[in-house]
């Protein structure tokens, strides 16, 4: 399965993978970022063995999207983005949604214990 199919057809499983990785950590860092008129809160997992990253982003208007970034054989970086449907958003625990909304509203990143993400 290629990365495009993975993001397109398996977003809930990728979100679950991201959450399982973060829950194991003692501290998880959320970031706030912006570009021109857009802004978002972001949670990212890095897989250095496979040279890829998975990110969940929250934009204004409660728009969540899933990002998969990876390097190809020539070391060029690619990013695949999928806006999550209402059904796919259900894979995101309420505690994680609240934290991401707070980061977006406050326009400031934060660190929290990893176990908060599963609630």
PDB file of N, CA and C in Angstrom:
ATOM      1  N   UNK A   1       0.849  -1.179   0.000  1.00  0.00           N
ATOM      2  CA  UNK A   1       0.000   0.000   0.000  1.00  0.00           C
ATOM      3  C   UNK A   1       0.895   1.242   0.000  1.00  0.00           C
ATOM      4  N   UNK A   2       0.576   2.202  -0.857  1.00  0.00           N
ATOM      5  CA  UNK A   2       1.376   3.421  -0.895  1.00  0.00           C
ATOM      6  C   UNK A   2       0.862   4.426   0.139  1.00  0.00           C
ATOM      7  N   UNK A   3       1.636   5.483   0.351  1.00  0.00           N
ATOM      8  CA  UNK A   3       1.290   6.460   1.384  1.00  0.00           C
ATOM      9  C   UNK A   3      -0.017   7.189   1.094  1.00  0.00           C
ATOM     10  N   UNK A   4      -0.302   7.476  -0.167  1.00  0.00           N
ATOM     11  CA  UNK A   4      -1.550   8.162  -0.515  1.00  0.00           C
ATOM     12  C   UNK A   4      -2.764   7.323  -0.107  1.00  0.00           C
ATOM     13  N   UNK A   5      -2.711   6.032  -0.399  1.00  0.00           N
ATOM     14  CA  UNK A   5      -3.810   5.142  -0.016  1.00  0.00           C
ATOM     15  C   UNK A   5      -3.920   5.022   1.502  1.00  0.00           C
ATOM     16  N   UNK A   6      -2.790   4.989   2.162  1.00  0.00           N
ATOM     17  CA  UNK A   6      -2.782   4.893   3.613  1.00  0.00           C
ATOM     18  C   UNK A   6      -3.515   6.071   4.244  1.00  0.00           C
ATOM     19  N   UNK A   7      -3.208   7.279   3.796  1.00  0.00           N
ATOM     20  CA  UNK A   7      -3.858   8.477   4.339  1.00  0.00           C
ATOM     21  C   UNK A   7      -5.323   8.526   3.924  1.00  0.00           C
ATOM     22  N   UNK A   8      -5.600   8.254   2.675  1.00  0.00           N
ATOM     23  CA  UNK A   8      -6.964   8.350   2.144  1.00  0.00           C
ATOM     24  C   UNK A   8      -7.911   7.335   2.782  1.00  0.00           C
ATOM     25  N   UNK A   9      -7.452   6.089   2.919  1.00  0.00           N
ATOM     26  CA  UNK A   9      -8.351   5.010   3.325  1.00  0.00           C
ATOM     27  C   UNK A   9      -8.218   4.565   4.777  1.00  0.00           C
ATOM     28  N   UNK A  10      -7.190   5.012   5.472  1.00  0.00           N
ATOM     29  CA  UNK A  10      -6.943   4.500   6.819  1.00  0.00           C
ATOM     30  C   UNK A  10      -6.651   5.609   7.829  1.00  0.00           C
ATOM     31  N   UNK A  11      -7.296   6.755   7.695  1.00  0.00           N
ATOM     32  CA  UNK A  11      -7.057   7.881   8.599  1.00  0.00           C
ATOM     33  C   UNK A  11      -7.327   7.520  10.062  1.00  0.00           C
ATOM     34  N   UNK A  12      -8.447   6.851  10.411  1.00  0.00           N
ATOM     35  CA  UNK A  12      -8.670   6.518  11.826  1.00  0.00           C
ATOM     36  C   UNK A  12      -7.565   5.638  12.414  1.00  0.00           C
ATOM     37  N   UNK A  13      -7.042   4.707  11.634  1.00  0.00           N
ATOM     38  CA  UNK A  13      -5.964   3.849  12.121  1.00  0.00           C
ATOM     39  C   UNK A  13      -4.670   4.648  12.325  1.00  0.00           C
ATOM     40  N   UNK A  14      -4.436   5.620  11.454  1.00  0.00           N
ATOM     41  CA  UNK A  14      -3.253   6.458  11.600  1.00  0.00           C
ATOM     42  C   UNK A  14      -3.372   7.355  12.825  1.00  0.00           C
ATOM     43  N   UNK A  15      -4.572   7.862  13.090  1.00  0.00           N
ATOM     44  CA  UNK A  15      -4.803   8.670  14.291  1.00  0.00           C
ATOM     45  C   UNK A  15      -4.570   7.809  15.525  1.00  0.00           C
ATOM     46  N   UNK A  16      -5.057   6.573  15.501  1.00  0.00           N
ATOM     47  CA  UNK A  16      -4.861   5.650  16.613  1.00  0.00           C
ATOM     48  C   UNK A  16      -3.372   5.380  16.837  1.00  0.00           C
ATOM     49  N   UNK A  17      -2.618   5.200  15.772  1.00  0.00           N
ATOM     50  CA  UNK A  17      -1.176   4.996  15.865  1.00  0.00           C
ATOM     51  C   UNK A  17      -0.496   6.204  16.511  1.00  0.00           C
ATOM     52  N   UNK A  18      -0.883   7.394  16.091  1.00  0.00           N
ATOM     53  CA  UNK A  18      -0.336   8.624  16.652  1.00  0.00           C
ATOM     54  C   UNK A  18      -0.632   8.712  18.149  1.00  0.00           C
ATOM     55  N   UNK A  19      -1.863   8.451  18.530  1.00  0.00           N
ATOM     56  CA  UNK A  19      -2.257   8.541  19.939  1.00  0.00           C
ATOM     57  C   UNK A  19      -1.522   7.502  20.774  1.00  0.00           C
ATOM     58  N   UNK A  20      -1.439   6.267  20.282  1.00  0.00           N
ATOM     59  CA  UNK A  20      -0.724   5.218  21.026  1.00  0.00           C
ATOM     60  C   UNK A  20       0.735   5.593  21.250  1.00  0.00           C
ATOM     61  N   UNK A  21       1.353   6.215  20.265  1.00  0.00           N
ATOM     62  CA  UNK A  21       2.736   6.650  20.407  1.00  0.00           C
ATOM     63  C   UNK A  21       2.852   7.756  21.455  1.00  0.00           C
ATOM     64  N   UNK A  22       1.931   8.705  21.455  1.00  0.00           N
ATOM     65  CA  UNK A  22       1.990   9.842  22.367  1.00  0.00           C
ATOM     66  C   UNK A  22       1.663   9.450  23.806  1.00  0.00           C
ATOM     67  N   UNK A  23       0.734   8.528  23.992  1.00  0.00           N
ATOM     68  CA  UNK A  23       0.326   8.113  25.335  1.00  0.00           C
ATOM     69  C   UNK A  23       1.504   7.478  26.079  1.00  0.00           C
ATOM     70  N   UNK A  24       2.413   6.841  25.361  1.00  0.00           N
ATOM     71  CA  UNK A  24       3.580   6.195  25.972  1.00  0.00           C
ATOM     72  C   UNK A  24       4.606   7.203  26.489  1.00  0.00           C
ATOM     73  N   UNK A  25       4.529   8.431  26.029  1.00  0.00           N
ATOM     74  CA  UNK A  25       5.527   9.433  26.394  1.00  0.00           C
ATOM     75  C   UNK A  25       5.162  10.095  27.717  1.00  0.00           C
ATOM     76  N   UNK A  26       6.175  10.465  28.470  1.00  0.00           N
ATOM     77  CA  UNK A  26       5.900  11.152  29.732  1.00  0.00           C
ATOM     78  C   UNK A  26       5.354  12.559  29.473  1.00  0.00           C
ATOM     79  N   UNK A  27       5.854  13.210  28.435  1.00  0.00           N
ATOM     80  CA  UNK A  27       5.377  14.549  28.073  1.00  0.00           C
ATOM     81  C   UNK A  27       5.150  14.631  26.573  1.00  0.00           C
ATOM     82  N   UNK A  28       4.060  15.283  26.219  1.00  0.00           N
ATOM     83  CA  UNK A  28       3.715  15.480  24.811  1.00  0.00           C
ATOM     84  C   UNK A  28       3.646  16.976  24.561  1.00  0.00           C
ATOM     85  N   UNK A  29       4.199  17.384  23.432  1.00  0.00           N
ATOM     86  CA  UNK A  29       4.235  18.807  23.107  1.00  0.00           C
ATOM     87  C   UNK A  29       3.303  19.124  21.951  1.00  0.00           C
ATOM     88  N   UNK A  30       2.442  20.102  22.185  1.00  0.00           N
ATOM     89  CA  UNK A  30       1.559  20.648  21.158  1.00  0.00           C
ATOM     90  C   UNK A  30       2.150  21.971  20.717  1.00  0.00           C
ATOM     91  N   UNK A  31       2.080  22.232  19.427  1.00  0.00           N
ATOM     92  CA  UNK A  31       2.607  23.476  18.889  1.00  0.00           C
ATOM     93  C   UNK A  31       1.483  24.297  18.274  1.00  0.00           C
ATOM     94  N   UNK A  32       1.688  25.603  18.250  1.00  0.00           N
ATOM     95  CA  UNK A  32       0.810  26.519  17.522  1.00  0.00           C
ATOM     96  C   UNK A  32       1.633  27.053  16.364  1.00  0.00           C
ATOM     97  N   UNK A  33       1.001  27.130  15.187  1.00  0.00           N
ATOM     98  CA  UNK A  33       1.708  27.650  14.032  1.00  0.00           C
ATOM     99  C   UNK A  33       0.729  28.421  13.152  1.00  0.00           C
ATOM    100  N   UNK A  34       1.270  29.227  12.281  1.00  0.00           N
ATOM    101  CA  UNK A  34       0.430  29.989  11.357  1.00  0.00           C
ATOM    102  C   UNK A  34       1.212  30.282  10.094  1.00  0.00           C
ATOM    103  N   UNK A  35       0.454  30.536   9.034  1.00  0.00           N
ATOM    104  CA  UNK A  35       1.026  30.929   7.751  1.00  0.00           C
ATOM    105  C   UNK A  35      -0.009  31.779   7.049  1.00  0.00           C
ATOM    106  N   UNK A  36       0.347  33.007   6.763  1.00  0.00           N
ATOM    107  CA  UNK A  36      -0.566  33.974   6.159  1.00  0.00           C
ATOM    108  C   UNK A  36      -1.853  34.046   6.985  1.00  0.00           C
ATOM    109  N   UNK A  37      -2.991  33.709   6.406  1.00  0.00           N
ATOM    110  CA  UNK A  37      -4.263  33.826   7.110  1.00  0.00           C
ATOM    111  C   UNK A  37      -4.664  32.562   7.875  1.00  0.00           C
ATOM    112  N   UNK A  38      -3.927  31.482   7.719  1.00  0.00           N
ATOM    113  CA  UNK A  38      -4.266  30.223   8.363  1.00  0.00           C
ATOM    114  C   UNK A  38      -3.467  30.068   9.655  1.00  0.00           C
ATOM    115  N   UNK A  39      -4.065  29.391  10.607  1.00  0.00           N
ATOM    116  CA  UNK A  39      -3.364  29.049  11.844  1.00  0.00           C
ATOM    117  C   UNK A  39      -3.848  27.682  12.296  1.00  0.00           C
ATOM    118  N   UNK A  40      -3.027  27.005  13.115  1.00  0.00           N
ATOM    119  CA  UNK A  40      -3.403  25.663  13.533  1.00  0.00           C
ATOM    120  C   UNK A  40      -2.627  25.252  14.779  1.00  0.00           C
ATOM    121  N   UNK A  41      -3.213  24.297  15.495  1.00  0.00           N
ATOM    122  CA  UNK A  41      -2.485  23.588  16.542  1.00  0.00           C
ATOM    123  C   UNK A  41      -2.083  22.246  15.932  1.00  0.00           C
ATOM    124  N   UNK A  42      -0.975  21.712  16.420  1.00  0.00           N
ATOM    125  CA  UNK A  42      -0.429  20.515  15.771  1.00  0.00           C
ATOM    126  C   UNK A  42       0.194  19.567  16.790  1.00  0.00           C
ATOM    127  N   UNK A  43      -0.017  18.293  16.551  1.00  0.00           N
ATOM    128  CA  UNK A  43       0.601  17.210  17.310  1.00  0.00           C
ATOM    129  C   UNK A  43       1.285  16.313  16.287  1.00  0.00           C
ATOM    130  N   UNK A  44       2.587  16.033  16.482  1.00  0.00           N
ATOM    131  CA  UNK A  44       3.351  15.299  15.479  1.00  0.00           C
ATOM    132  C   UNK A  44       4.115  14.135  16.094  1.00  0.00           C
ATOM    133  N   UNK A  45       4.128  13.035  15.363  1.00  0.00           N
ATOM    134  CA  UNK A  45       4.901  11.839  15.715  1.00  0.00           C
ATOM    135  C   UNK A  45       5.943  11.632  14.623  1.00  0.00           C
ATOM    136  N   UNK A  46       7.184  11.393  15.024  1.00  0.00           N
ATOM    137  CA  UNK A  46       8.260  11.137  14.070  1.00  0.00           C
ATOM    138  C   UNK A  46       8.642   9.665  14.106  1.00  0.00           C
ATOM    139  N   UNK A  47       8.758   9.069  12.938  1.00  0.00           N
ATOM    140  CA  UNK A  47       9.234   7.694  12.801  1.00  0.00           C
ATOM    141  C   UNK A  47      10.550   7.771  12.034  1.00  0.00           C
ATOM    142  N   UNK A  48      11.642   7.817  12.783  1.00  0.00           N
ATOM    143  CA  UNK A  48      12.945   8.025  12.162  1.00  0.00           C
ATOM    144  C   UNK A  48      13.421   6.800  11.377  1.00  0.00           C
ATOM    145  N   UNK A  49      12.973   5.622  11.762  1.00  0.00           N
ATOM    146  CA  UNK A  49      13.370   4.409  11.038  1.00  0.00           C
ATOM    147  C   UNK A  49      12.844   4.430   9.611  1.00  0.00           C
ATOM    148  N   UNK A  50      11.600   4.870   9.447  1.00  0.00           N
ATOM    149  CA  UNK A  50      10.982   4.910   8.118  1.00  0.00           C
ATOM    150  C   UNK A  50      11.057   6.291   7.481  1.00  0.00           C
ATOM    151  N   UNK A  51      11.680   7.238   8.174  1.00  0.00           N
ATOM    152  CA  UNK A  51      11.856   8.595   7.655  1.00  0.00           C
ATOM    153  C   UNK A  51      10.521   9.253   7.306  1.00  0.00           C
ATOM    154  N   UNK A  52       9.578   9.181   8.263  1.00  0.00           N
ATOM    155  CA  UNK A  52       8.274   9.806   8.027  1.00  0.00           C
ATOM    156  C   UNK A  52       7.752  10.420   9.319  1.00  0.00           C
ATOM    157  N   UNK A  53       6.737  11.263   9.170  1.00  0.00           N
ATOM    158  CA  UNK A  53       6.071  11.860  10.320  1.00  0.00           C
ATOM    159  C   UNK A  53       4.574  11.870  10.070  1.00  0.00           C
ATOM    160  N   UNK A  54       3.831  11.718  11.149  1.00  0.00           N
ATOM    161  CA  UNK A  54       2.372  11.789  11.095  1.00  0.00           C
ATOM    162  C   UNK A  54       1.956  12.927  12.004  1.00  0.00           C
ATOM    163  N   UNK A  55       1.115  13.823  11.493  1.00  0.00           N
ATOM    164  CA  UNK A  55       0.654  14.966  12.269  1.00  0.00           C
ATOM    165  C   UNK A  55      -0.857  15.077  12.196  1.00  0.00           C
ATOM    166  N   UNK A  56      -1.411  15.531  13.298  1.00  0.00           N
ATOM    167  CA  UNK A  56      -2.822  15.882  13.365  1.00  0.00           C
ATOM    168  C   UNK A  56      -2.867  17.381  13.600  1.00  0.00           C
ATOM    169  N   UNK A  57      -3.633  18.089  12.781  1.00  0.00           N
ATOM    170  CA  UNK A  57      -3.725  19.547  12.892  1.00  0.00           C
ATOM    171  C   UNK A  57      -5.176  19.958  13.053  1.00  0.00           C
ATOM    172  N   UNK A  58      -5.362  21.005  13.842  1.00  0.00           N
ATOM    173  CA  UNK A  58      -6.683  21.607  14.027  1.00  0.00           C
ATOM    174  C   UNK A  58      -6.608  23.048  13.553  1.00  0.00           C
ATOM    175  N   UNK A  59      -7.477  23.397  12.619  1.00  0.00           N
ATOM    176  CA  UNK A  59      -7.577  24.749  12.079  1.00  0.00           C
ATOM    177  C   UNK A  59      -8.851  25.401  12.613  1.00  0.00           C
ATOM    178  N   UNK A  60      -8.976  26.730  12.508  1.00  0.00           N
ATOM    179  CA  UNK A  60     -10.226  27.384  12.917  1.00  0.00           C
ATOM    180  C   UNK A  60     -11.432  26.758  12.215  1.00  0.00           C
ATOM    181  N   UNK A  61     -12.571  26.796  12.882  1.00  0.00           N
ATOM    182  CA  UNK A  61     -13.784  26.208  12.326  1.00  0.00           C
ATOM    183  C   UNK A  61     -13.879  24.721  12.623  1.00  0.00           C
ATOM    184  N   UNK A  62     -13.057  24.241  13.556  1.00  0.00           N
ATOM    185  CA  UNK A  62     -13.028  22.833  13.965  1.00  0.00           C
ATOM    186  C   UNK A  62     -12.692  21.904  12.795  1.00  0.00           C
ATOM    187  N   UNK A  63     -11.799  22.359  11.927  1.00  0.00           N
ATOM    188  CA  UNK A  63     -11.346  21.566  10.786  1.00  0.00           C
ATOM    189  C   UNK A  63     -10.073  20.830  11.186  1.00  0.00           C
ATOM    190  N   UNK A  64     -10.163  19.506  11.239  1.00  0.00           N
ATOM    191  CA  UNK A  64      -9.012  18.670  11.540  1.00  0.00           C
ATOM    192  C   UNK A  64      -8.484  18.092  10.235  1.00  0.00           C
ATOM    193  N   UNK A  65      -7.159  18.022  10.133  1.00  0.00           N
ATOM    194  CA  UNK A  65      -6.591  17.292   9.006  1.00  0.00           C
ATOM    195  C   UNK A  65      -5.422  16.451   9.462  1.00  0.00           C
ATOM    196  N   UNK A  66      -5.170  15.438   8.660  1.00  0.00           N
ATOM    197  CA  UNK A  66      -4.111  14.484   8.923  1.00  0.00           C
ATOM    198  C   UNK A  66      -3.019  14.699   7.890  1.00  0.00           C
ATOM    199  N   UNK A  67      -1.782  14.757   8.351  1.00  0.00           N
ATOM    200  CA  UNK A  67      -0.632  14.966   7.469  1.00  0.00           C
ATOM    201  C   UNK A  67       0.295  13.767   7.584  1.00  0.00           C
ATOM    202  N   UNK A  68       0.788  13.336   6.467  1.00  0.00           N
ATOM    203  CA  UNK A  68       1.843  12.329   6.437  1.00  0.00           C
ATOM    204  C   UNK A  68       2.979  12.914   5.625  1.00  0.00           C
ATOM    205  N   UNK A  69       4.099  13.119   6.260  1.00  0.00           N
ATOM    206  CA  UNK A  69       5.283  13.630   5.580  1.00  0.00           C
ATOM    207  C   UNK A  69       6.318  12.529   5.483  1.00  0.00           C
ATOM    208  N   UNK A  70       6.996  12.435   4.355  1.00  0.00           N
ATOM    209  CA  UNK A  70       8.001  11.391   4.174  1.00  0.00           C
ATOM    210  C   UNK A  70       9.064  11.843   3.178  1.00  0.00           C
ATOM    211  N   UNK A  71      10.204  11.170   3.248  1.00  0.00           N
ATOM    212  CA  UNK A  71      11.302  11.410   2.309  1.00  0.00           C
ATOM    213  C   UNK A  71      11.376  10.264   1.314  1.00  0.00           C
ATOM    214  N   UNK A  72      11.594  10.600   0.053  1.00  0.00           N
ATOM    215  CA  UNK A  72      11.756   9.554  -0.964  1.00  0.00           C
ATOM    216  C   UNK A  72      13.223   9.137  -1.055  1.00  0.00           C
ATOM    217  N   UNK A  73      13.516   8.305  -2.038  1.00  0.00           N
ATOM    218  CA  UNK A  73      14.871   7.778  -2.206  1.00  0.00           C
ATOM    219  C   UNK A  73      15.905   8.862  -2.477  1.00  0.00           C
ATOM    220  N   UNK A  74      15.484   9.972  -3.111  1.00  0.00           N
ATOM    221  CA  UNK A  74      16.398  11.084  -3.399  1.00  0.00           C
ATOM    222  C   UNK A  74      16.446  12.095  -2.269  1.00  0.00           C
ATOM    223  N   UNK A  75      15.858  11.739  -1.125  1.00  0.00           N
ATOM    224  CA  UNK A  75      15.842  12.590   0.072  1.00  0.00           C
ATOM    225  C   UNK A  75      15.024  13.870  -0.137  1.00  0.00           C
ATOM    226  N   UNK A  76      14.015  13.779  -0.985  1.00  0.00           N
ATOM    227  CA  UNK A  76      13.093  14.898  -1.196  1.00  0.00           C
ATOM    228  C   UNK A  76      11.873  14.687  -0.300  1.00  0.00           C
ATOM    229  N   UNK A  77      11.431  15.747   0.371  1.00  0.00           N
ATOM    230  CA  UNK A  77      10.326  15.650   1.321  1.00  0.00           C
ATOM    231  C   UNK A  77       8.986  15.843   0.605  1.00  0.00           C
ATOM    232  N   UNK A  78       8.028  14.967   0.927  1.00  0.00           N
ATOM    233  CA  UNK A  78       6.670  15.047   0.392  1.00  0.00           C
ATOM    234  C   UNK A  78       5.694  15.049   1.546  1.00  0.00           C
ATOM    235  N   UNK A  79       4.551  15.682   1.320  1.00  0.00           N
ATOM    236  CA  UNK A  79       3.524  15.741   2.359  1.00  0.00           C
ATOM    237  C   UNK A  79       2.164  15.455   1.738  1.00  0.00           C
ATOM    238  N   UNK A  80       1.425  14.567   2.377  1.00  0.00           N
ATOM    239  CA  UNK A  80       0.074  14.229   1.953  1.00  0.00           C
ATOM    240  C   UNK A  80      -0.871  14.732   3.041  1.00  0.00           C
ATOM    241  N   UNK A  81      -1.912  15.452   2.640  1.00  0.00           N
ATOM    242  CA  UNK A  81      -2.848  16.049   3.593  1.00  0.00           C
ATOM    243  C   UNK A  81      -4.255  15.558   3.294  1.00  0.00           C
ATOM    244  N   UNK A  82      -4.982  15.206   4.347  1.00  0.00           N
ATOM    245  CA  UNK A  82      -6.380  14.793   4.200  1.00  0.00           C
ATOM    246  C   UNK A  82      -7.207  15.505   5.258  1.00  0.00           C
ATOM    247  N   UNK A  83      -8.203  16.259   4.819  1.00  0.00           N
ATOM    248  CA  UNK A  83      -9.152  16.869   5.750  1.00  0.00           C
ATOM    249  C   UNK A  83     -10.055  15.750   6.251  1.00  0.00           C
ATOM    250  N   UNK A  84     -10.202  15.665   7.571  1.00  0.00           N
ATOM    251  CA  UNK A  84     -10.965  14.576   8.161  1.00  0.00           C
ATOM    252  C   UNK A  84     -12.472  14.829   8.070  1.00  0.00           C
ATOM    253  N   UNK A  85     -13.200  13.778   7.762  1.00  0.00           N
ATOM    254  CA  UNK A  85     -14.661  13.842   7.738  1.00  0.00           C
ATOM    255  C   UNK A  85     -15.172  13.821   9.184  1.00  0.00           C
ATOM    256  N   UNK A  86     -16.447  14.100   9.351  1.00  0.00           N
ATOM    257  CA  UNK A  86     -17.047  14.038  10.686  1.00  0.00           C
ATOM    258  C   UNK A  86     -16.888  12.642  11.277  1.00  0.00           C
ATOM    259  N   UNK A  87     -17.053  11.628  10.453  1.00  0.00           N
ATOM    260  CA  UNK A  87     -16.903  10.245  10.920  1.00  0.00           C
ATOM    261  C   UNK A  87     -15.461   9.974  11.361  1.00  0.00           C
ATOM    262  N   UNK A  88     -14.487  10.444  10.596  1.00  0.00           N
ATOM    263  CA  UNK A  88     -13.081  10.224  10.933  1.00  0.00           C
ATOM    264  C   UNK A  88     -12.672  10.984  12.191  1.00  0.00           C
ATOM    265  N   UNK A  89     -13.293  12.139  12.438  1.00  0.00           N
ATOM    266  CA  UNK A  89     -13.000  12.912  13.648  1.00  0.00           C
ATOM    267  C   UNK A  89     -13.364  12.147  14.910  1.00  0.00           C
ATOM    268  N   UNK A  90     -14.291  11.204  14.793  1.00  0.00           N
ATOM    269  CA  UNK A  90     -14.694  10.424  15.962  1.00  0.00           C
ATOM    270  C   UNK A  90     -13.559   9.569  16.496  1.00  0.00           C
ATOM    271  N   UNK A  91     -12.534   9.332  15.703  1.00  0.00           N
ATOM    272  CA  UNK A  91     -11.362   8.566  16.139  1.00  0.00           C
ATOM    273  C   UNK A  91     -10.476   9.374  17.084  1.00  0.00           C
ATOM    274  N   UNK A  92     -10.714  10.679  17.189  1.00  0.00           N
ATOM    275  CA  UNK A  92      -9.904  11.554  18.041  1.00  0.00           C
ATOM    276  C   UNK A  92     -10.553  11.615  19.423  1.00  0.00           C
ATOM    277  N   UNK A  93      -9.847  11.216  20.478  1.00  0.00           N
ATOM    278  CA  UNK A  93     -10.418  11.292  21.823  1.00  0.00           C
ATOM    279  C   UNK A  93     -10.788  12.730  22.197  1.00  0.00           C
ATOM    280  N   UNK A  94     -11.835  12.875  22.996  1.00  0.00           N
ATOM    281  CA  UNK A  94     -12.311  14.201  23.399  1.00  0.00           C
ATOM    282  C   UNK A  94     -11.235  15.014  24.106  1.00  0.00           C
ATOM    283  N   UNK A  95     -10.424  14.355  24.936  1.00  0.00           N
ATOM    284  CA  UNK A  95      -9.357  15.066  25.642  1.00  0.00           C
ATOM    285  C   UNK A  95      -8.351  15.676  24.687  1.00  0.00           C
ATOM    286  N   UNK A  96      -8.027  14.953  23.649  1.00  0.00           N
ATOM    287  CA  UNK A  96      -7.093  15.461  22.638  1.00  0.00           C
ATOM    288  C   UNK A  96      -7.713  16.640  21.887  1.00  0.00           C
ATOM    289  N   UNK A  97      -8.981  16.528  21.545  1.00  0.00           N
ATOM    290  CA  UNK A  97      -9.667  17.639  20.870  1.00  0.00           C
ATOM    291  C   UNK A  97      -9.640  18.892  21.741  1.00  0.00           C
ATOM    292  N   UNK A  98      -9.912  18.733  23.037  1.00  0.00           N
ATOM    293  CA  UNK A  98      -9.919  19.891  23.953  1.00  0.00           C
ATOM    294  C   UNK A  98      -8.551  20.546  24.032  1.00  0.00           C
ATOM    295  N   UNK A  99      -7.518  19.733  24.133  1.00  0.00           N
ATOM    296  CA  UNK A  99      -6.157  20.286  24.203  1.00  0.00           C
ATOM    297  C   UNK A  99      -5.797  21.033  22.926  1.00  0.00           C
ATOM    298  N   UNK A 100      -6.136  20.469  21.793  1.00  0.00           N
ATOM    299  CA  UNK A 100      -5.812  21.118  20.522  1.00  0.00           C
ATOM    300  C   UNK A 100      -6.617  22.416  20.362  1.00  0.00           C
ATOM    301  N   UNK A 101      -7.864  22.417  20.808  1.00  0.00           N
ATOM    302  CA  UNK A 101      -8.678  23.638  20.746  1.00  0.00           C
ATOM    303  C   UNK A 101      -8.100  24.725  21.635  1.00  0.00           C
ATOM    304  N   UNK A 102      -7.585  24.333  22.808  1.00  0.00           N
ATOM    305  CA  UNK A 102      -6.990  25.314  23.722  1.00  0.00           C
ATOM    306  C   UNK A 102      -5.739  25.929  23.105  1.00  0.00           C
ATOM    307  N   UNK A 103      -4.880  25.104  22.519  1.00  0.00           N
ATOM    308  CA  UNK A 103      -3.662  25.619  21.873  1.00  0.00           C
ATOM    309  C   UNK A 103      -4.032  26.596  20.762  1.00  0.00           C
ATOM    310  N   UNK A 104      -5.031  26.246  19.979  1.00  0.00           N
ATOM    311  CA  UNK A 104      -5.454  27.124  18.882  1.00  0.00           C
ATOM    312  C   UNK A 104      -6.036  28.431  19.416  1.00  0.00           C
ATOM    313  N   UNK A 105      -6.890  28.341  20.431  1.00  0.00           N
ATOM    314  CA  UNK A 105      -7.526  29.543  20.990  1.00  0.00           C
ATOM    315  C   UNK A 105      -6.508  30.458  21.671  1.00  0.00           C
ATOM    316  N   UNK A 106      -5.564  29.871  22.408  1.00  0.00           N
ATOM    317  CA  UNK A 106      -4.563  30.661  23.132  1.00  0.00           C
ATOM    318  C   UNK A 106      -3.404  31.114  22.247  1.00  0.00           C
ATOM    319  N   UNK A 107      -3.317  30.511  21.049  1.00  0.00           N
ATOM    320  CA  UNK A 107      -2.215  30.794  20.133  1.00  0.00           C
ATOM    321  C   UNK A 107      -0.864  30.571  20.800  1.00  0.00           C
ATOM    322  N   UNK A 108      -0.803  29.481  21.574  1.00  0.00           N
ATOM    323  CA  UNK A 108       0.410  29.170  22.320  1.00  0.00           C
ATOM    324  C   UNK A 108       0.503  27.664  22.534  1.00  0.00           C
ATOM    325  N   UNK A 109       1.675  27.110  22.286  1.00  0.00           N
ATOM    326  CA  UNK A 109       1.881  25.686  22.492  1.00  0.00           C
ATOM    327  C   UNK A 109       1.840  25.316  23.958  1.00  0.00           C
ATOM    328  N   UNK A 110       1.834  24.006  24.226  1.00  0.00           N
ATOM    329  CA  UNK A 110       1.854  23.534  25.608  1.00  0.00           C
ATOM    330  C   UNK A 110       2.408  22.123  25.672  1.00  0.00           C
ATOM    331  N   UNK A 111       2.802  21.755  26.878  1.00  0.00           N
ATOM    332  CA  UNK A 111       3.258  20.396  27.167  1.00  0.00           C
ATOM    333  C   UNK A 111       2.312  19.798  28.193  1.00  0.00           C
ATOM    334  N   UNK A 112       1.969  18.538  27.969  1.00  0.00           N
ATOM    335  CA  UNK A 112       1.069  17.834  28.892  1.00  0.00           C
ATOM    336  C   UNK A 112       1.571  16.408  29.076  1.00  0.00           C
ATOM    337  N   UNK A 113       1.146  15.755  30.159  1.00  0.00           N
ATOM    338  CA  UNK A 113       1.474  14.333  30.300  1.00  0.00           C
ATOM    339  C   UNK A 113       0.816  13.523  29.177  1.00  0.00           C
ATOM    340  N   UNK A 114       1.519  12.545  28.656  1.00  0.00           N
ATOM    341  CA  UNK A 114       1.010  11.747  27.544  1.00  0.00           C
ATOM    342  C   UNK A 114      -0.296  11.046  27.842  1.00  0.00           C
ATOM    343  N   UNK A 115      -0.509  10.630  29.096  1.00  0.00           N
ATOM    344  CA  UNK A 115      -1.727   9.885  29.412  1.00  0.00           C
ATOM    345  C   UNK A 115      -2.999  10.719  29.297  1.00  0.00           C
ATOM    346  N   UNK A 116      -2.895  12.024  29.207  1.00  0.00           N
ATOM    347  CA  UNK A 116      -4.084  12.868  29.028  1.00  0.00           C
ATOM    348  C   UNK A 116      -4.713  12.697  27.638  1.00  0.00           C
ATOM    349  N   UNK A 117      -3.960  12.209  26.695  1.00  0.00           N
ATOM    350  CA  UNK A 117      -4.453  12.123  25.323  1.00  0.00           C
ATOM    351  C   UNK A 117      -5.453  11.001  25.108  1.00  0.00           C
ATOM    352  N   UNK A 118      -5.491  10.051  25.988  1.00  0.00           N
ATOM    353  CA  UNK A 118      -6.381   8.918  25.791  1.00  0.00           C
ATOM    354  C   UNK A 118      -7.764   9.142  26.394  1.00  0.00           C
ATOM    355  N   UNK A 119      -7.965  10.265  27.039  1.00  0.00           N
ATOM    356  CA  UNK A 119      -9.244  10.504  27.732  1.00  0.00           C
ATOM    357  C   UNK A 119     -10.227  11.243  26.867  1.00  0.00           C
TER     358      UNK A 119
END
